[in-house]
Amino acid sequence: MTRPEPSPTPEQLDALREEIADEVERLERRMKSSADTVRPVDLDPGAVGRLSRMDELQNQAMARNLRDREWQRLADLERALERMEKGTYGTCARCGGSIQYARLEAFPEAATCVACSR
């Protein structure tokens, strides 16, 4: 039988809070600067060749996918900050057990313990 993992210490929580806030700020800056990447593609057949249009559509789809993932990560990180404010950060949202500090260090937005995330 495994021993339950203790909750993160106040010092560890402070370090995680700072890391999350820095990542939120970085993502917000990056998303503002990459807004032009997800612009509509000019589909004027006379403007560029067929392969160039296909490349541009593929690049736009990849940029949109990346932006969607960044929006999701930003929302997850903001929810983690909310859990910190409520005092529930580090507590599994499913089983109520502690989330290992190593997991929070690797994935500060984690809302579930390893067992519940499977």
PDB file of N, CA and C in Angstrom:
ATOM      1  N   MET A   1       0.847  -1.173   0.000  1.00  0.00           N
ATOM      2  CA  MET A   1       0.000   0.000   0.000  1.00  0.00           C
ATOM      3  C   MET A   1       0.894   1.239   0.000  1.00  0.00           C
ATOM      4  N   THR A   2       0.549   2.222  -0.809  1.00  0.00           N
ATOM      5  CA  THR A   2       1.365   3.427  -0.899  1.00  0.00           C
ATOM      6  C   THR A   2       0.903   4.470   0.096  1.00  0.00           C
ATOM      7  N   ARG A   3       1.872   5.241   0.538  1.00  0.00           N
ATOM      8  CA  ARG A   3       1.572   6.329   1.449  1.00  0.00           C
ATOM      9  C   ARG A   3       0.969   7.490   0.677  1.00  0.00           C
ATOM     10  N   PRO A   4      -0.042   8.168   1.228  1.00  0.00           N
ATOM     11  CA  PRO A   4      -0.590   9.319   0.517  1.00  0.00           C
ATOM     12  C   PRO A   4       0.450  10.431   0.426  1.00  0.00           C
ATOM     13  N   GLU A   5       0.461  11.092  -0.690  1.00  0.00           N
ATOM     14  CA  GLU A   5       1.396  12.193  -0.920  1.00  0.00           C
ATOM     15  C   GLU A   5       0.927  13.417  -0.144  1.00  0.00           C
ATOM     16  N   PRO A   6       1.828  14.057   0.588  1.00  0.00           N
ATOM     17  CA  PRO A   6       1.420  15.255   1.318  1.00  0.00           C
ATOM     18  C   PRO A   6       1.117  16.404   0.361  1.00  0.00           C
ATOM     19  N   SER A   7       0.298  17.310   0.812  1.00  0.00           N
ATOM     20  CA  SER A   7      -0.007  18.497   0.013  1.00  0.00           C
ATOM     21  C   SER A   7       1.252  19.336  -0.130  1.00  0.00           C
ATOM     22  N   PRO A   8       1.339  20.133  -1.187  1.00  0.00           N
ATOM     23  CA  PRO A   8       2.505  21.003  -1.343  1.00  0.00           C
ATOM     24  C   PRO A   8       2.631  21.957  -0.154  1.00  0.00           C
ATOM     25  N   THR A   9       3.866  22.268   0.195  1.00  0.00           N
ATOM     26  CA  THR A   9       4.118  23.208   1.287  1.00  0.00           C
ATOM     27  C   THR A   9       3.761  24.623   0.834  1.00  0.00           C
ATOM     28  N   PRO A  10       3.593  25.553   1.759  1.00  0.00           N
ATOM     29  CA  PRO A  10       3.322  26.947   1.364  1.00  0.00           C
ATOM     30  C   PRO A  10       4.403  27.511   0.437  1.00  0.00           C
ATOM     31  N   GLU A  11       5.655  27.149   0.676  1.00  0.00           N
ATOM     32  CA  GLU A  11       6.743  27.626  -0.185  1.00  0.00           C
ATOM     33  C   GLU A  11       6.610  27.054  -1.595  1.00  0.00           C
ATOM     34  N   GLN A  12       6.260  25.771  -1.667  1.00  0.00           N
ATOM     35  CA  GLN A  12       6.067  25.145  -2.978  1.00  0.00           C
ATOM     36  C   GLN A  12       4.883  25.782  -3.700  1.00  0.00           C
ATOM     37  N   LEU A  13       3.813  26.067  -2.965  1.00  0.00           N
ATOM     38  CA  LEU A  13       2.651  26.722  -3.572  1.00  0.00           C
ATOM     39  C   LEU A  13       3.016  28.100  -4.105  1.00  0.00           C
ATOM     40  N   ASP A  14       3.814  28.848  -3.355  1.00  0.00           N
ATOM     41  CA  ASP A  14       4.244  30.171  -3.818  1.00  0.00           C
ATOM     42  C   ASP A  14       5.046  30.063  -5.110  1.00  0.00           C
ATOM     43  N   ALA A  15       5.946  29.081  -5.167  1.00  0.00           N
ATOM     44  CA  ALA A  15       6.751  28.880  -6.372  1.00  0.00           C
ATOM     45  C   ALA A  15       5.865  28.492  -7.553  1.00  0.00           C
ATOM     46  N   LEU A  16       4.890  27.617  -7.315  1.00  0.00           N
ATOM     47  CA  LEU A  16       3.969  27.214  -8.384  1.00  0.00           C
ATOM     48  C   LEU A  16       3.107  28.385  -8.832  1.00  0.00           C
ATOM     49  N   ARG A  17       2.646  29.196  -7.896  1.00  0.00           N
ATOM     50  CA  ARG A  17       1.827  30.369  -8.228  1.00  0.00           C
ATOM     51  C   ARG A  17       2.608  31.319  -9.138  1.00  0.00           C
ATOM     52  N   GLU A  18       3.868  31.546  -8.794  1.00  0.00           N
ATOM     53  CA  GLU A  18       4.707  32.426  -9.607  1.00  0.00           C
ATOM     54  C   GLU A  18       4.930  31.834 -10.996  1.00  0.00           C
ATOM     55  N   GLU A  19       5.186  30.535 -11.046  1.00  0.00           N
ATOM     56  CA  GLU A  19       5.387  29.856 -12.330  1.00  0.00           C
ATOM     57  C   GLU A  19       4.131  29.947 -13.199  1.00  0.00           C
ATOM     58  N   ILE A  20       2.973  29.725 -12.602  1.00  0.00           N
ATOM     59  CA  ILE A  20       1.714  29.791 -13.349  1.00  0.00           C
ATOM     60  C   ILE A  20       1.473  31.210 -13.850  1.00  0.00           C
ATOM     61  N   ALA A  21       1.663  32.204 -12.992  1.00  0.00           N
ATOM     62  CA  ALA A  21       1.452  33.598 -13.391  1.00  0.00           C
ATOM     63  C   ALA A  21       2.393  33.981 -14.533  1.00  0.00           C
ATOM     64  N   ASP A  22       3.645  33.538 -14.475  1.00  0.00           N
ATOM     65  CA  ASP A  22       4.602  33.816 -15.554  1.00  0.00           C
ATOM     66  C   ASP A  22       4.159  33.161 -16.856  1.00  0.00           C
ATOM     67  N   GLU A  23       3.680  31.924 -16.773  1.00  0.00           N
ATOM     68  CA  GLU A  23       3.236  31.209 -17.973  1.00  0.00           C
ATOM     69  C   GLU A  23       1.985  31.856 -18.561  1.00  0.00           C
ATOM     70  N   VAL A  24       1.067  32.305 -17.724  1.00  0.00           N
ATOM     71  CA  VAL A  24      -0.133  33.009 -18.202  1.00  0.00           C
ATOM     72  C   VAL A  24       0.289  34.264 -18.965  1.00  0.00           C
ATOM     73  N   GLU A  25       1.200  35.023 -18.389  1.00  0.00           N
ATOM     74  CA  GLU A  25       1.677  36.250 -19.033  1.00  0.00           C
ATOM     75  C   GLU A  25       2.357  35.945 -20.362  1.00  0.00           C
ATOM     76  N   ARG A  26       3.191  34.898 -20.393  1.00  0.00           N
ATOM     77  CA  ARG A  26       3.888  34.513 -21.621  1.00  0.00           C
ATOM     78  C   ARG A  26       2.901  34.095 -22.712  1.00  0.00           C
ATOM     79  N   LEU A  27       1.908  33.293 -22.332  1.00  0.00           N
ATOM     80  CA  LEU A  27       0.902  32.849 -23.303  1.00  0.00           C
ATOM     81  C   LEU A  27       0.101  34.023 -23.839  1.00  0.00           C
ATOM     82  N   GLU A  28      -0.291  34.950 -22.975  1.00  0.00           N
ATOM     83  CA  GLU A  28      -1.054  36.118 -23.422  1.00  0.00           C
ATOM     84  C   GLU A  28      -0.246  36.948 -24.416  1.00  0.00           C
ATOM     85  N   ARG A  29       1.037  37.168 -24.132  1.00  0.00           N
ATOM     86  CA  ARG A  29       1.898  37.925 -25.057  1.00  0.00           C
ATOM     87  C   ARG A  29       2.032  37.191 -26.384  1.00  0.00           C
ATOM     88  N   ARG A  30       2.257  35.895 -26.308  1.00  0.00           N
ATOM     89  CA  ARG A  30       2.447  35.100 -27.524  1.00  0.00           C
ATOM     90  C   ARG A  30       1.186  35.088 -28.386  1.00  0.00           C
ATOM     91  N   MET A  31       0.043  34.985 -27.749  1.00  0.00           N
ATOM     92  CA  MET A  31      -1.207  34.930 -28.502  1.00  0.00           C
ATOM     93  C   MET A  31      -1.512  36.273 -29.155  1.00  0.00           C
ATOM     94  N   LYS A  32      -1.161  37.364 -28.494  1.00  0.00           N
ATOM     95  CA  LYS A  32      -1.356  38.684 -29.105  1.00  0.00           C
ATOM     96  C   LYS A  32      -0.452  38.853 -30.313  1.00  0.00           C
ATOM     97  N   SER A  33       0.791  38.401 -30.203  1.00  0.00           N
ATOM     98  CA  SER A  33       1.739  38.580 -31.301  1.00  0.00           C
ATOM     99  C   SER A  33       1.475  37.626 -32.464  1.00  0.00           C
ATOM    100  N   SER A  34       0.792  36.525 -32.220  1.00  0.00           N
ATOM    101  CA  SER A  34       0.537  35.558 -33.293  1.00  0.00           C
ATOM    102  C   SER A  34      -0.850  35.706 -33.900  1.00  0.00           C
ATOM    103  N   ALA A  35      -1.546  36.776 -33.589  1.00  0.00           N
ATOM    104  CA  ALA A  35      -2.907  36.959 -34.109  1.00  0.00           C
ATOM    105  C   ALA A  35      -2.927  36.995 -35.635  1.00  0.00           C
ATOM    106  N   ASP A  36      -1.873  37.529 -36.260  1.00  0.00           N
ATOM    107  CA  ASP A  36      -1.829  37.616 -37.721  1.00  0.00           C
ATOM    108  C   ASP A  36      -1.665  36.259 -38.383  1.00  0.00           C
ATOM    109  N   THR A  37      -1.153  35.277 -37.681  1.00  0.00           N
ATOM    110  CA  THR A  37      -0.908  33.957 -38.250  1.00  0.00           C
ATOM    111  C   THR A  37      -2.201  33.244 -38.608  1.00  0.00           C
ATOM    112  N   VAL A  38      -3.283  33.579 -37.942  1.00  0.00           N
ATOM    113  CA  VAL A  38      -4.550  32.888 -38.155  1.00  0.00           C
ATOM    114  C   VAL A  38      -5.482  33.742 -39.017  1.00  0.00           C
ATOM    115  N   ARG A  39      -4.914  34.533 -39.882  1.00  0.00           N
ATOM    116  CA  ARG A  39      -5.719  35.386 -40.761  1.00  0.00           C
ATOM    117  C   ARG A  39      -6.339  34.537 -41.876  1.00  0.00           C
ATOM    118  N   PRO A  40      -7.428  34.996 -42.479  1.00  0.00           N
ATOM    119  CA  PRO A  40      -8.039  34.245 -43.581  1.00  0.00           C
ATOM    120  C   PRO A  40      -7.082  34.128 -44.771  1.00  0.00           C
ATOM    121  N   VAL A  41      -7.166  33.012 -45.470  1.00  0.00           N
ATOM    122  CA  VAL A  41      -6.321  32.774 -46.635  1.00  0.00           C
ATOM    123  C   VAL A  41      -6.975  33.386 -47.857  1.00  0.00           C
ATOM    124  N   ASP A  42      -6.177  34.068 -48.671  1.00  0.00           N
ATOM    125  CA  ASP A  42      -6.651  34.639 -49.927  1.00  0.00           C
ATOM    126  C   ASP A  42      -6.822  33.494 -50.923  1.00  0.00           C
ATOM    127  N   LEU A  43      -8.051  33.223 -51.329  1.00  0.00           N
ATOM    128  CA  LEU A  43      -8.313  32.104 -52.236  1.00  0.00           C
ATOM    129  C   LEU A  43      -8.468  32.546 -53.687  1.00  0.00           C
ATOM    130  N   ASP A  44      -7.953  33.706 -54.031  1.00  0.00           N
ATOM    131  CA  ASP A  44      -7.982  34.192 -55.403  1.00  0.00           C
ATOM    132  C   ASP A  44      -7.085  33.293 -56.254  1.00  0.00           C
ATOM    133  N   PRO A  45      -7.667  32.540 -57.197  1.00  0.00           N
ATOM    134  CA  PRO A  45      -6.869  31.586 -57.970  1.00  0.00           C
ATOM    135  C   PRO A  45      -5.770  32.251 -58.789  1.00  0.00           C
ATOM    136  N   GLY A  46      -5.933  33.505 -59.136  1.00  0.00           N
ATOM    137  CA  GLY A  46      -4.908  34.187 -59.913  1.00  0.00           C
ATOM    138  C   GLY A  46      -3.756  34.683 -59.063  1.00  0.00           C
ATOM    139  N   ALA A  47      -3.948  34.738 -57.765  1.00  0.00           N
ATOM    140  CA  ALA A  47      -2.928  35.314 -56.885  1.00  0.00           C
ATOM    141  C   ALA A  47      -1.734  34.384 -56.693  1.00  0.00           C
ATOM    142  N   VAL A  48      -1.976  33.116 -56.473  1.00  0.00           N
ATOM    143  CA  VAL A  48      -0.887  32.159 -56.235  1.00  0.00           C
ATOM    144  C   VAL A  48      -1.246  30.825 -56.856  1.00  0.00           C
ATOM    145  N   GLY A  49      -0.271  29.961 -56.986  1.00  0.00           N
ATOM    146  CA  GLY A  49      -0.513  28.635 -57.535  1.00  0.00           C
ATOM    147  C   GLY A  49      -1.299  27.759 -56.579  1.00  0.00           C
ATOM    148  N   ARG A  50      -1.809  26.651 -57.125  1.00  0.00           N
ATOM    149  CA  ARG A  50      -2.632  25.729 -56.342  1.00  0.00           C
ATOM    150  C   ARG A  50      -1.875  25.172 -55.140  1.00  0.00           C
ATOM    151  N   LEU A  51      -0.635  24.755 -55.326  1.00  0.00           N
ATOM    152  CA  LEU A  51       0.150  24.191 -54.226  1.00  0.00           C
ATOM    153  C   LEU A  51       0.445  25.235 -53.160  1.00  0.00           C
ATOM    154  N   SER A  52       0.689  26.462 -53.576  1.00  0.00           N
ATOM    155  CA  SER A  52       0.943  27.527 -52.601  1.00  0.00           C
ATOM    156  C   SER A  52      -0.283  27.765 -51.735  1.00  0.00           C
ATOM    157  N   ARG A  53      -1.463  27.739 -52.351  1.00  0.00           N
ATOM    158  CA  ARG A  53      -2.705  27.913 -51.582  1.00  0.00           C
ATOM    159  C   ARG A  53      -2.885  26.757 -50.609  1.00  0.00           C
ATOM    160  N   MET A  54      -2.585  25.530 -51.070  1.00  0.00           N
ATOM    161  CA  MET A  54      -2.714  24.364 -50.192  1.00  0.00           C
ATOM    162  C   MET A  54      -1.745  24.477 -49.017  1.00  0.00           C
ATOM    163  N   ASP A  55      -0.515  24.903 -49.300  1.00  0.00           N
ATOM    164  CA  ASP A  55       0.462  25.099 -48.222  1.00  0.00           C
ATOM    165  C   ASP A  55      -0.033  26.141 -47.233  1.00  0.00           C
ATOM    166  N   GLU A  56      -0.559  27.238 -47.748  1.00  0.00           N
ATOM    167  CA  GLU A  56      -1.045  28.310 -46.879  1.00  0.00           C
ATOM    168  C   GLU A  56      -2.225  27.833 -46.031  1.00  0.00           C
ATOM    169  N   LEU A  57      -3.130  27.059 -46.630  1.00  0.00           N
ATOM    170  CA  LEU A  57      -4.259  26.516 -45.864  1.00  0.00           C
ATOM    171  C   LEU A  57      -3.775  25.570 -44.769  1.00  0.00           C
ATOM    172  N   GLN A  58      -2.787  24.735 -45.098  1.00  0.00           N
ATOM    173  CA  GLN A  58      -2.242  23.812 -44.104  1.00  0.00           C
ATOM    174  C   GLN A  58      -1.545  24.581 -42.982  1.00  0.00           C
ATOM    175  N   ASN A  59      -0.756  25.593 -43.333  1.00  0.00           N
ATOM    176  CA  ASN A  59      -0.083  26.411 -42.319  1.00  0.00           C
ATOM    177  C   ASN A  59      -1.093  27.114 -41.424  1.00  0.00           C
ATOM    178  N   GLN A  60      -2.162  27.608 -42.030  1.00  0.00           N
ATOM    179  CA  GLN A  60      -3.194  28.289 -41.252  1.00  0.00           C
ATOM    180  C   GLN A  60      -3.879  27.310 -40.301  1.00  0.00           C
ATOM    181  N   ALA A  61      -4.157  26.099 -40.762  1.00  0.00           N
ATOM    182  CA  ALA A  61      -4.800  25.096 -39.905  1.00  0.00           C
ATOM    183  C   ALA A  61      -3.893  24.729 -38.732  1.00  0.00           C
ATOM    184  N   MET A  62      -2.599  24.593 -38.987  1.00  0.00           N
ATOM    185  CA  MET A  62      -1.667  24.279 -37.897  1.00  0.00           C
ATOM    186  C   MET A  62      -1.584  25.435 -36.904  1.00  0.00           C
ATOM    187  N   ALA A  63      -1.562  26.663 -37.412  1.00  0.00           N
ATOM    188  CA  ALA A  63      -1.507  27.833 -36.525  1.00  0.00           C
ATOM    189  C   ALA A  63      -2.781  27.928 -35.692  1.00  0.00           C
ATOM    190  N   ARG A  64      -3.920  27.636 -36.307  1.00  0.00           N
ATOM    191  CA  ARG A  64      -5.196  27.678 -35.581  1.00  0.00           C
ATOM    192  C   ARG A  64      -5.225  26.602 -34.494  1.00  0.00           C
ATOM    193  N   ASN A  65      -4.722  25.410 -34.822  1.00  0.00           N
ATOM    194  CA  ASN A  65      -4.669  24.317 -33.851  1.00  0.00           C
ATOM    195  C   ASN A  65      -3.783  24.695 -32.665  1.00  0.00           C
ATOM    196  N   LEU A  66      -2.619  25.262 -32.951  1.00  0.00           N
ATOM    197  CA  LEU A  66      -1.716  25.698 -31.882  1.00  0.00           C
ATOM    198  C   LEU A  66      -2.373  26.770 -31.024  1.00  0.00           C
ATOM    199  N   ARG A  67      -3.029  27.712 -31.660  1.00  0.00           N
ATOM    200  CA  ARG A  67      -3.698  28.789 -30.920  1.00  0.00           C
ATOM    201  C   ARG A  67      -4.809  28.221 -30.036  1.00  0.00           C
ATOM    202  N   ASP A  68      -5.574  27.256 -30.554  1.00  0.00           N
ATOM    203  CA  ASP A  68      -6.632  26.628 -29.750  1.00  0.00           C
ATOM    204  C   ASP A  68      -6.046  25.933 -28.522  1.00  0.00           C
ATOM    205  N   ARG A  69      -4.926  25.229 -28.719  1.00  0.00           N
ATOM    206  CA  ARG A  69      -4.275  24.561 -27.582  1.00  0.00           C
ATOM    207  C   ARG A  69      -3.761  25.579 -26.574  1.00  0.00           C
ATOM    208  N   GLU A  70      -3.238  26.707 -27.064  1.00  0.00           N
ATOM    209  CA  GLU A  70      -2.760  27.752 -26.152  1.00  0.00           C
ATOM    210  C   GLU A  70      -3.916  28.373 -25.371  1.00  0.00           C
ATOM    211  N   TRP A  71      -5.058  28.588 -26.040  1.00  0.00           N
ATOM    212  CA  TRP A  71      -6.242  29.109 -25.333  1.00  0.00           C
ATOM    213  C   TRP A  71      -6.667  28.138 -24.238  1.00  0.00           C
ATOM    214  N   GLN A  72      -6.653  26.840 -24.558  1.00  0.00           N
ATOM    215  CA  GLN A  72      -7.045  25.826 -23.575  1.00  0.00           C
ATOM    216  C   GLN A  72      -6.079  25.816 -22.397  1.00  0.00           C
ATOM    217  N   ARG A  73      -4.786  25.880 -22.684  1.00  0.00           N
ATOM    218  CA  ARG A  73      -3.786  25.886 -21.600  1.00  0.00           C
ATOM    219  C   ARG A  73      -3.941  27.137 -20.752  1.00  0.00           C
ATOM    220  N   LEU A  74      -4.182  28.276 -21.388  1.00  0.00           N
ATOM    221  CA  LEU A  74      -4.382  29.523 -20.650  1.00  0.00           C
ATOM    222  C   LEU A  74      -5.582  29.400 -19.715  1.00  0.00           C
ATOM    223  N   ALA A  75      -6.683  28.853 -20.217  1.00  0.00           N
ATOM    224  CA  ALA A  75      -7.879  28.668 -19.381  1.00  0.00           C
ATOM    225  C   ALA A  75      -7.587  27.714 -18.223  1.00  0.00           C
ATOM    226  N   ASP A  76      -6.858  26.633 -18.493  1.00  0.00           N
ATOM    227  CA  ASP A  76      -6.506  25.674 -17.435  1.00  0.00           C
ATOM    228  C   ASP A  76      -5.634  26.327 -16.363  1.00  0.00           C
ATOM    229  N   LEU A  77      -4.672  27.136 -16.791  1.00  0.00           N
ATOM    230  CA  LEU A  77      -3.794  27.817 -15.834  1.00  0.00           C
ATOM    231  C   LEU A  77      -4.568  28.840 -14.995  1.00  0.00           C
ATOM    232  N   GLU A  78      -5.498  29.544 -15.637  1.00  0.00           N
ATOM    233  CA  GLU A  78      -6.307  30.514 -14.889  1.00  0.00           C
ATOM    234  C   GLU A  78      -7.198  29.803 -13.869  1.00  0.00           C
ATOM    235  N   ARG A  79      -7.715  28.626 -14.239  1.00  0.00           N
ATOM    236  CA  ARG A  79      -8.498  27.838 -13.272  1.00  0.00           C
ATOM    237  C   ARG A  79      -7.618  27.369 -12.116  1.00  0.00           C
ATOM    238  N   ALA A  80      -6.364  27.043 -12.405  1.00  0.00           N
ATOM    239  CA  ALA A  80      -5.432  26.641 -11.339  1.00  0.00           C
ATOM    240  C   ALA A  80      -5.214  27.799 -10.370  1.00  0.00           C
ATOM    241  N   LEU A  81      -5.072  29.014 -10.890  1.00  0.00           N
ATOM    242  CA  LEU A  81      -4.924  30.188 -10.019  1.00  0.00           C
ATOM    243  C   LEU A  81      -6.177  30.394  -9.167  1.00  0.00           C
ATOM    244  N   GLU A  82      -7.349  30.152  -9.762  1.00  0.00           N
ATOM    245  CA  GLU A  82      -8.608  30.256  -9.001  1.00  0.00           C
ATOM    246  C   GLU A  82      -8.643  29.222  -7.876  1.00  0.00           C
ATOM    247  N   ARG A  83      -8.190  27.989  -8.172  1.00  0.00           N
ATOM    248  CA  ARG A  83      -8.154  26.958  -7.131  1.00  0.00           C
ATOM    249  C   ARG A  83      -7.198  27.354  -6.008  1.00  0.00           C
ATOM    250  N   MET A  84      -6.104  28.013  -6.365  1.00  0.00           N
ATOM    251  CA  MET A  84      -5.173  28.487  -5.335  1.00  0.00           C
ATOM    252  C   MET A  84      -5.860  29.507  -4.426  1.00  0.00           C
ATOM    253  N   GLU A  85      -6.617  30.413  -5.034  1.00  0.00           N
ATOM    254  CA  GLU A  85      -7.330  31.431  -4.252  1.00  0.00           C
ATOM    255  C   GLU A  85      -8.360  30.789  -3.323  1.00  0.00           C
ATOM    256  N   LYS A  86      -9.012  29.731  -3.801  1.00  0.00           N
ATOM    257  CA  LYS A  86     -10.038  29.038  -3.005  1.00  0.00           C
ATOM    258  C   LYS A  86      -9.434  28.087  -1.976  1.00  0.00           C
ATOM    259  N   GLY A  87      -8.143  27.801  -2.122  1.00  0.00           N
ATOM    260  CA  GLY A  87      -7.497  26.862  -1.205  1.00  0.00           C
ATOM    261  C   GLY A  87      -7.683  25.408  -1.588  1.00  0.00           C
ATOM    262  N   THR A  88      -8.113  25.145  -2.827  1.00  0.00           N
ATOM    263  CA  THR A  88      -8.334  23.767  -3.267  1.00  0.00           C
ATOM    264  C   THR A  88      -7.258  23.276  -4.231  1.00  0.00           C
ATOM    265  N   TYR A  89      -6.272  24.112  -4.525  1.00  0.00           N
ATOM    266  CA  TYR A  89      -5.193  23.714  -5.430  1.00  0.00           C
ATOM    267  C   TYR A  89      -4.395  22.586  -4.780  1.00  0.00           C
ATOM    268  N   GLY A  90      -4.097  21.560  -5.557  1.00  0.00           N
ATOM    269  CA  GLY A  90      -3.356  20.419  -5.022  1.00  0.00           C
ATOM    270  C   GLY A  90      -4.257  19.318  -4.500  1.00  0.00           C
ATOM    271  N   THR A  91      -5.572  19.555  -4.564  1.00  0.00           N
ATOM    272  CA  THR A  91      -6.552  18.549  -4.162  1.00  0.00           C
ATOM    273  C   THR A  91      -7.232  18.034  -5.425  1.00  0.00           C
ATOM    274  N   CYS A  92      -7.279  16.723  -5.586  1.00  0.00           N
ATOM    275  CA  CYS A  92      -7.873  16.117  -6.775  1.00  0.00           C
ATOM    276  C   CYS A  92      -9.355  16.463  -6.867  1.00  0.00           C
ATOM    277  N   ALA A  93      -9.769  16.932  -8.030  1.00  0.00           N
ATOM    278  CA  ALA A  93     -11.164  17.311  -8.249  1.00  0.00           C
ATOM    279  C   ALA A  93     -12.087  16.094  -8.301  1.00  0.00           C
ATOM    280  N   ARG A  94     -11.549  14.895  -8.522  1.00  0.00           N
ATOM    281  CA  ARG A  94     -12.384  13.690  -8.594  1.00  0.00           C
ATOM    282  C   ARG A  94     -12.469  12.949  -7.270  1.00  0.00           C
ATOM    283  N   CYS A  95     -11.313  12.608  -6.697  1.00  0.00           N
ATOM    284  CA  CYS A  95     -11.323  11.748  -5.503  1.00  0.00           C
ATOM    285  C   CYS A  95     -11.101  12.518  -4.203  1.00  0.00           C
ATOM    286  N   GLY A  96     -10.663  13.766  -4.306  1.00  0.00           N
ATOM    287  CA  GLY A  96     -10.428  14.565  -3.108  1.00  0.00           C
ATOM    288  C   GLY A  96      -9.088  14.324  -2.443  1.00  0.00           C
ATOM    289  N   GLY A  97      -8.280  13.437  -3.009  1.00  0.00           N
ATOM    290  CA  GLY A  97      -6.950  13.172  -2.458  1.00  0.00           C
ATOM    291  C   GLY A  97      -5.957  14.249  -2.873  1.00  0.00           C
ATOM    292  N   SER A  98      -4.754  14.153  -2.345  1.00  0.00           N
ATOM    293  CA  SER A  98      -3.704  15.115  -2.691  1.00  0.00           C
ATOM    294  C   SER A  98      -3.112  14.794  -4.061  1.00  0.00           C
ATOM    295  N   ILE A  99      -2.767  15.836  -4.789  1.00  0.00           N
ATOM    296  CA  ILE A  99      -2.045  15.687  -6.051  1.00  0.00           C
ATOM    297  C   ILE A  99      -0.562  15.806  -5.714  1.00  0.00           C
ATOM    298  N   GLN A 100       0.227  14.853  -6.178  1.00  0.00           N
ATOM    299  CA  GLN A 100       1.658  14.851  -5.883  1.00  0.00           C
ATOM    300  C   GLN A 100       2.308  16.141  -6.366  1.00  0.00           C
ATOM    301  N   TYR A 101       3.223  16.647  -5.543  1.00  0.00           N
ATOM    302  CA  TYR A 101       3.930  17.880  -5.902  1.00  0.00           C
ATOM    303  C   TYR A 101       4.669  17.722  -7.228  1.00  0.00           C
ATOM    304  N   ALA A 102       5.263  16.551  -7.460  1.00  0.00           N
ATOM    305  CA  ALA A 102       5.990  16.325  -8.715  1.00  0.00           C
ATOM    306  C   ALA A 102       5.061  16.495  -9.917  1.00  0.00           C
ATOM    307  N   ARG A 103       3.821  16.038  -9.790  1.00  0.00           N
ATOM    308  CA  ARG A 103       2.843  16.216 -10.881  1.00  0.00           C
ATOM    309  C   ARG A 103       2.525  17.691 -11.072  1.00  0.00           C
ATOM    310  N   LEU A 104       2.311  18.406  -9.977  1.00  0.00           N
ATOM    311  CA  LEU A 104       2.002  19.831 -10.073  1.00  0.00           C
ATOM    312  C   LEU A 104       3.184  20.615 -10.636  1.00  0.00           C
ATOM    313  N   GLU A 105       4.377  20.163 -10.311  1.00  0.00           N
ATOM    314  CA  GLU A 105       5.569  20.825 -10.833  1.00  0.00           C
ATOM    315  C   GLU A 105       5.658  20.640 -12.351  1.00  0.00           C
ATOM    316  N   ALA A 106       5.336  19.441 -12.821  1.00  0.00           N
ATOM    317  CA  ALA A 106       5.381  19.144 -14.253  1.00  0.00           C
ATOM    318  C   ALA A 106       4.185  19.725 -14.993  1.00  0.00           C
ATOM    319  N   PHE A 107       3.004  19.654 -14.375  1.00  0.00           N
ATOM    320  CA  PHE A 107       1.755  20.135 -14.969  1.00  0.00           C
ATOM    321  C   PHE A 107       1.034  20.999 -13.941  1.00  0.00           C
ATOM    322  N   PRO A 108       1.436  22.258 -13.791  1.00  0.00           N
ATOM    323  CA  PRO A 108       0.853  23.090 -12.735  1.00  0.00           C
ATOM    324  C   PRO A 108      -0.653  23.290 -12.874  1.00  0.00           C
ATOM    325  N   GLU A 109      -1.198  23.030 -14.044  1.00  0.00           N
ATOM    326  CA  GLU A 109      -2.638  23.184 -14.246  1.00  0.00           C
ATOM    327  C   GLU A 109      -3.421  21.930 -13.862  1.00  0.00           C
ATOM    328  N   ALA A 110      -2.734  20.861 -13.451  1.00  0.00           N
ATOM    329  CA  ALA A 110      -3.387  19.586 -13.131  1.00  0.00           C
ATOM    330  C   ALA A 110      -4.463  19.763 -12.060  1.00  0.00           C
ATOM    331  N   ALA A 111      -5.647  19.227 -12.348  1.00  0.00           N
ATOM    332  CA  ALA A 111      -6.765  19.293 -11.398  1.00  0.00           C
ATOM    333  C   ALA A 111      -7.071  17.924 -10.804  1.00  0.00           C
ATOM    334  N   THR A 112      -6.394  16.887 -11.323  1.00  0.00           N
ATOM    335  CA  THR A 112      -6.630  15.530 -10.827  1.00  0.00           C
ATOM    336  C   THR A 112      -5.303  14.848 -10.516  1.00  0.00           C
ATOM    337  N   CYS A 113      -5.363  13.882  -9.619  1.00  0.00           N
ATOM    338  CA  CYS A 113      -4.177  13.092  -9.292  1.00  0.00           C
ATOM    339  C   CYS A 113      -3.877  12.144 -10.459  1.00  0.00           C
ATOM    340  N   VAL A 114      -2.734  11.500 -10.397  1.00  0.00           N
ATOM    341  CA  VAL A 114      -2.327  10.589 -11.469  1.00  0.00           C
ATOM    342  C   VAL A 114      -3.346   9.468 -11.645  1.00  0.00           C
ATOM    343  N   ALA A 115      -3.784   8.863 -10.550  1.00  0.00           N
ATOM    344  CA  ALA A 115      -4.725   7.740 -10.632  1.00  0.00           C
ATOM    345  C   ALA A 115      -6.030   8.152 -11.311  1.00  0.00           C
ATOM    346  N   CYS A 116      -6.550   9.308 -10.981  1.00  0.00           N
ATOM    347  CA  CYS A 116      -7.828   9.756 -11.556  1.00  0.00           C
ATOM    348  C   CYS A 116      -7.686  10.264 -12.989  1.00  0.00           C
ATOM    349  N   SER A 117      -6.483  10.620 -13.392  1.00  0.00           N
ATOM    350  CA  SER A 117      -6.297  11.136 -14.750  1.00  0.00           C
ATOM    351  C   SER A 117      -6.193  10.022 -15.781  1.00  0.00           C
ATOM    352  N   ARG A 118      -6.085   8.785 -15.316  1.00  0.00           N
ATOM    353  CA  ARG A 118      -5.962   7.647 -16.244  1.00  0.00           C
ATOM    354  C   ARG A 118      -7.278   7.226 -16.787  1.00  0.00           C
TER     355      ARG A 118
END
